[in-house]
Every structure is written in C-alpha cells, then in structure tokens.
Amino acid sequence: MIPPECEMAIQQFDAFRRGELAPGELLSLRNHLDTCRRCYAFQRHENAFLERLLTATRNARCPEELRATISQLVARESRGN
C-alpha cells in the first residue's frame, strides 16, 4: 500500500513537469521528494523514460492517412457540438 502523501506526489508529477503547480504545492512536492526515496526514484525514472520517448520520437512523422482520419474525426466532433 502506498502512503497517502506518496499518492498525492505521484498525482502531481505531470503538473510539476509542466510547471503548473501552485507555489505551495510545488514546495510541498519538493519537500516530499527531498525526503522520500521511493518517490524521488520514481520521479527520476519517469522523467528519464519521458526524455527517451521524446528523443526517440522527435523526428517521427504521422502518416498522412492517419492525419487525415484524425482531422476528419475532429471536424465531425466539432460539428456535433
């Protein structure tokens, strides 16, 4: 079972990476990461994984057929709202 403070920290990682945490939340998360080896290691692992994923896909291109299908679905959804 994960302690509640660790669950809260894990839920905040995405907002942390995007710089979207309020100052108090940021301070709380940083304090937690300074004292919790499990969450610190998890956050470092997650950051390394995302960096490798970005590096691997940096030059990837979406196939035109898929791009057209997505555009059609977005347009259809937009008309429905």
N, C-alpha and C. Protein backbone atom coordinates (compact mmCIF):
# COMPACT_ATOMS: atom_id res chain seq x y z
N MET A 1 0.85 -1.18 0.00
CA MET A 1 0.00 0.00 0.00
C MET A 1 0.90 1.25 0.00
N ILE A 2 0.53 2.20 -0.82
CA ILE A 2 1.30 3.44 -0.94
C ILE A 2 0.75 4.45 0.07
N PRO A 3 1.63 5.10 0.83
CA PRO A 3 1.16 6.13 1.76
C PRO A 3 0.45 7.26 1.03
N PRO A 4 -0.53 7.90 1.67
CA PRO A 4 -1.30 8.97 1.01
C PRO A 4 -0.43 10.11 0.48
N GLU A 5 0.62 10.48 1.22
CA GLU A 5 1.47 11.57 0.74
C GLU A 5 2.22 11.19 -0.53
N CYS A 6 2.53 9.89 -0.68
CA CYS A 6 3.18 9.42 -1.91
C CYS A 6 2.19 9.41 -3.07
N GLU A 7 0.96 8.99 -2.81
CA GLU A 7 -0.06 9.01 -3.86
C GLU A 7 -0.29 10.43 -4.36
N MET A 8 -0.33 11.38 -3.43
CA MET A 8 -0.51 12.79 -3.80
C MET A 8 0.66 13.26 -4.65
N ALA A 9 1.87 12.91 -4.25
CA ALA A 9 3.06 13.32 -5.01
C ALA A 9 3.01 12.75 -6.42
N ILE A 10 2.69 11.48 -6.55
CA ILE A 10 2.65 10.83 -7.86
C ILE A 10 1.60 11.50 -8.75
N GLN A 11 0.47 11.87 -8.17
CA GLN A 11 -0.58 12.53 -8.94
C GLN A 11 -0.15 13.93 -9.42
N GLN A 12 0.82 14.52 -8.75
CA GLN A 12 1.24 15.88 -9.10
C GLN A 12 2.41 15.91 -10.08
N PHE A 13 3.00 14.78 -10.41
CA PHE A 13 4.19 14.77 -11.26
C PHE A 13 3.97 15.44 -12.61
N ASP A 14 2.86 15.17 -13.27
CA ASP A 14 2.62 15.78 -14.59
C ASP A 14 2.54 17.30 -14.49
N ALA A 15 1.77 17.79 -13.52
CA ALA A 15 1.66 19.23 -13.34
C ALA A 15 3.01 19.83 -12.95
N PHE A 16 3.79 19.10 -12.18
CA PHE A 16 5.13 19.53 -11.79
C PHE A 16 6.01 19.71 -13.02
N ARG A 17 6.00 18.72 -13.91
CA ARG A 17 6.81 18.79 -15.14
C ARG A 17 6.40 19.95 -16.03
N ARG A 18 5.10 20.23 -16.06
CA ARG A 18 4.60 21.31 -16.92
C ARG A 18 4.70 22.67 -16.24
N GLY A 19 5.15 22.73 -15.00
CA GLY A 19 5.26 23.99 -14.28
C GLY A 19 3.91 24.55 -13.88
N GLU A 20 2.93 23.69 -13.62
CA GLU A 20 1.57 24.14 -13.34
C GLU A 20 1.16 24.04 -11.88
N LEU A 21 2.10 23.72 -10.98
CA LEU A 21 1.74 23.63 -9.57
C LEU A 21 1.76 25.01 -8.93
N ALA A 22 0.82 25.23 -8.04
CA ALA A 22 0.80 26.46 -7.25
C ALA A 22 2.04 26.46 -6.35
N PRO A 23 2.51 27.64 -5.95
CA PRO A 23 3.74 27.70 -5.14
C PRO A 23 3.72 26.79 -3.91
N GLY A 24 2.61 26.75 -3.19
CA GLY A 24 2.52 25.89 -2.01
C GLY A 24 2.61 24.42 -2.36
N GLU A 25 1.95 24.02 -3.46
CA GLU A 25 2.01 22.63 -3.92
C GLU A 25 3.41 22.27 -4.36
N LEU A 26 4.06 23.19 -5.05
CA LEU A 26 5.42 22.96 -5.52
C LEU A 26 6.37 22.76 -4.34
N LEU A 27 6.26 23.61 -3.34
CA LEU A 27 7.11 23.49 -2.16
C LEU A 27 6.85 22.17 -1.44
N SER A 28 5.60 21.81 -1.30
CA SER A 28 5.23 20.56 -0.64
C SER A 28 5.79 19.36 -1.40
N LEU A 29 5.65 19.37 -2.72
CA LEU A 29 6.15 18.25 -3.52
C LEU A 29 7.67 18.18 -3.44
N ARG A 30 8.34 19.30 -3.56
CA ARG A 30 9.80 19.30 -3.47
C ARG A 30 10.27 18.79 -2.11
N ASN A 31 9.60 19.21 -1.04
CA ASN A 31 9.95 18.71 0.29
C ASN A 31 9.75 17.21 0.37
N HIS A 32 8.67 16.72 -0.21
CA HIS A 32 8.41 15.29 -0.19
C HIS A 32 9.49 14.54 -0.97
N LEU A 33 9.84 15.04 -2.16
CA LEU A 33 10.86 14.37 -2.96
C LEU A 33 12.22 14.40 -2.27
N ASP A 34 12.48 15.43 -1.47
CA ASP A 34 13.74 15.50 -0.73
C ASP A 34 13.83 14.45 0.37
N THR A 35 12.68 14.00 0.86
CA THR A 35 12.69 13.07 1.99
C THR A 35 12.22 11.66 1.66
N CYS A 36 11.59 11.47 0.52
CA CYS A 36 11.05 10.15 0.16
C CYS A 36 11.86 9.54 -0.97
N ARG A 37 12.65 8.55 -0.64
CA ARG A 37 13.50 7.91 -1.66
C ARG A 37 12.67 7.24 -2.74
N ARG A 38 11.56 6.63 -2.36
CA ARG A 38 10.71 5.92 -3.32
C ARG A 38 10.16 6.88 -4.38
N CYS A 39 9.59 7.98 -3.94
CA CYS A 39 9.01 8.94 -4.88
C CYS A 39 10.09 9.64 -5.71
N TYR A 40 11.21 9.94 -5.07
CA TYR A 40 12.31 10.58 -5.79
C TYR A 40 12.79 9.67 -6.92
N ALA A 41 12.99 8.38 -6.60
CA ALA A 41 13.43 7.43 -7.61
C ALA A 41 12.38 7.25 -8.70
N PHE A 42 11.11 7.20 -8.30
CA PHE A 42 10.03 7.06 -9.28
C PHE A 42 9.98 8.25 -10.22
N GLN A 43 10.11 9.45 -9.65
CA GLN A 43 10.07 10.66 -10.47
C GLN A 43 11.25 10.71 -11.43
N ARG A 44 12.43 10.35 -10.96
CA ARG A 44 13.61 10.33 -11.83
C ARG A 44 13.44 9.31 -12.95
N HIS A 45 12.91 8.13 -12.63
CA HIS A 45 12.68 7.09 -13.63
C HIS A 45 11.66 7.57 -14.66
N GLU A 46 10.59 8.18 -14.19
CA GLU A 46 9.55 8.67 -15.10
C GLU A 46 10.10 9.77 -16.02
N ASN A 47 10.87 10.68 -15.46
CA ASN A 47 11.48 11.74 -16.28
C ASN A 47 12.43 11.17 -17.33
N ALA A 48 13.25 10.18 -16.93
CA ALA A 48 14.18 9.57 -17.87
C ALA A 48 13.42 8.84 -18.98
N PHE A 49 12.34 8.15 -18.62
CA PHE A 49 11.53 7.46 -19.63
C PHE A 49 10.93 8.45 -20.62
N LEU A 50 10.36 9.53 -20.11
CA LEU A 50 9.74 10.53 -21.00
C LEU A 50 10.79 11.19 -21.89
N GLU A 51 11.96 11.44 -21.36
CA GLU A 51 13.03 12.03 -22.17
C GLU A 51 13.45 11.08 -23.30
N ARG A 52 13.58 9.79 -22.97
CA ARG A 52 13.93 8.80 -24.01
C ARG A 52 12.82 8.71 -25.06
N LEU A 53 11.58 8.76 -24.60
CA LEU A 53 10.45 8.71 -25.53
C LEU A 53 10.45 9.91 -26.46
N LEU A 54 10.68 11.10 -25.91
CA LEU A 54 10.74 12.31 -26.74
C LEU A 54 11.90 12.24 -27.73
N THR A 55 13.04 11.76 -27.28
CA THR A 55 14.20 11.64 -28.16
C THR A 55 13.91 10.66 -29.30
N ALA A 56 13.29 9.54 -28.96
CA ALA A 56 13.02 8.52 -29.97
C ALA A 56 11.98 8.96 -30.99
N THR A 57 11.09 9.85 -30.59
CA THR A 57 10.01 10.25 -31.49
C THR A 57 10.19 11.65 -32.07
N ARG A 58 11.28 12.29 -31.76
CA ARG A 58 11.49 13.67 -32.19
C ARG A 58 11.32 13.84 -33.71
N ASN A 59 11.83 12.91 -34.48
CA ASN A 59 11.76 13.02 -35.93
C ASN A 59 10.68 12.14 -36.55
N ALA A 60 9.82 11.59 -35.71
CA ALA A 60 8.76 10.72 -36.21
C ALA A 60 7.69 11.56 -36.91
N ARG A 61 7.12 11.01 -37.92
CA ARG A 61 6.06 11.69 -38.68
C ARG A 61 4.79 10.86 -38.62
N CYS A 62 3.70 11.54 -38.47
CA CYS A 62 2.40 10.89 -38.51
C CYS A 62 2.08 10.58 -39.97
N PRO A 63 1.72 9.33 -40.30
CA PRO A 63 1.36 9.02 -41.68
C PRO A 63 0.19 9.89 -42.14
N GLU A 64 0.24 10.31 -43.38
CA GLU A 64 -0.79 11.21 -43.91
C GLU A 64 -2.19 10.61 -43.79
N GLU A 65 -2.32 9.32 -44.02
CA GLU A 65 -3.63 8.69 -43.92
C GLU A 65 -4.19 8.81 -42.49
N LEU A 66 -3.35 8.59 -41.51
CA LEU A 66 -3.77 8.73 -40.11
C LEU A 66 -4.09 10.19 -39.80
N ARG A 67 -3.27 11.11 -40.28
CA ARG A 67 -3.51 12.54 -40.06
C ARG A 67 -4.88 12.94 -40.64
N ALA A 68 -5.19 12.46 -41.84
CA ALA A 68 -6.48 12.78 -42.48
C ALA A 68 -7.64 12.20 -41.68
N THR A 69 -7.48 10.97 -41.21
CA THR A 69 -8.54 10.34 -40.41
C THR A 69 -8.79 11.13 -39.13
N ILE A 70 -7.72 11.52 -38.45
CA ILE A 70 -7.87 12.29 -37.22
C ILE A 70 -8.53 13.63 -37.50
N SER A 71 -8.11 14.30 -38.56
CA SER A 71 -8.71 15.58 -38.92
C SER A 71 -10.21 15.44 -39.19
N GLN A 72 -10.59 14.38 -39.89
CA GLN A 72 -12.00 14.14 -40.17
C GLN A 72 -12.79 13.89 -38.88
N LEU A 73 -12.21 13.12 -37.97
CA LEU A 73 -12.90 12.83 -36.70
C LEU A 73 -13.04 14.10 -35.84
N VAL A 74 -12.02 14.92 -35.83
CA VAL A 74 -12.08 16.17 -35.07
C VAL A 74 -13.13 17.09 -35.67
N ALA A 75 -13.13 17.20 -36.99
CA ALA A 75 -14.12 18.05 -37.67
C ALA A 75 -15.53 17.55 -37.41
N ARG A 76 -15.74 16.25 -37.48
CA ARG A 76 -17.05 15.67 -37.24
C ARG A 76 -17.49 15.93 -35.80
N GLU A 77 -16.58 15.76 -34.85
CA GLU A 77 -16.88 16.02 -33.44
C GLU A 77 -17.20 17.49 -33.21
N SER A 78 -16.48 18.39 -33.87
CA SER A 78 -16.70 19.83 -33.72
C SER A 78 -18.09 20.21 -34.24
N ARG A 79 -18.48 19.62 -35.33
CA ARG A 79 -19.82 19.92 -35.88
C ARG A 79 -20.92 19.42 -34.97
N GLY A 80 -20.65 18.35 -34.24
CA GLY A 80 -21.65 17.77 -33.34
C GLY A 80 -21.86 18.56 -32.07
N ASN A 81 -20.95 19.50 -31.77
CA ASN A 81 -21.06 20.27 -30.52
C ASN A 81 -21.53 21.66 -30.75
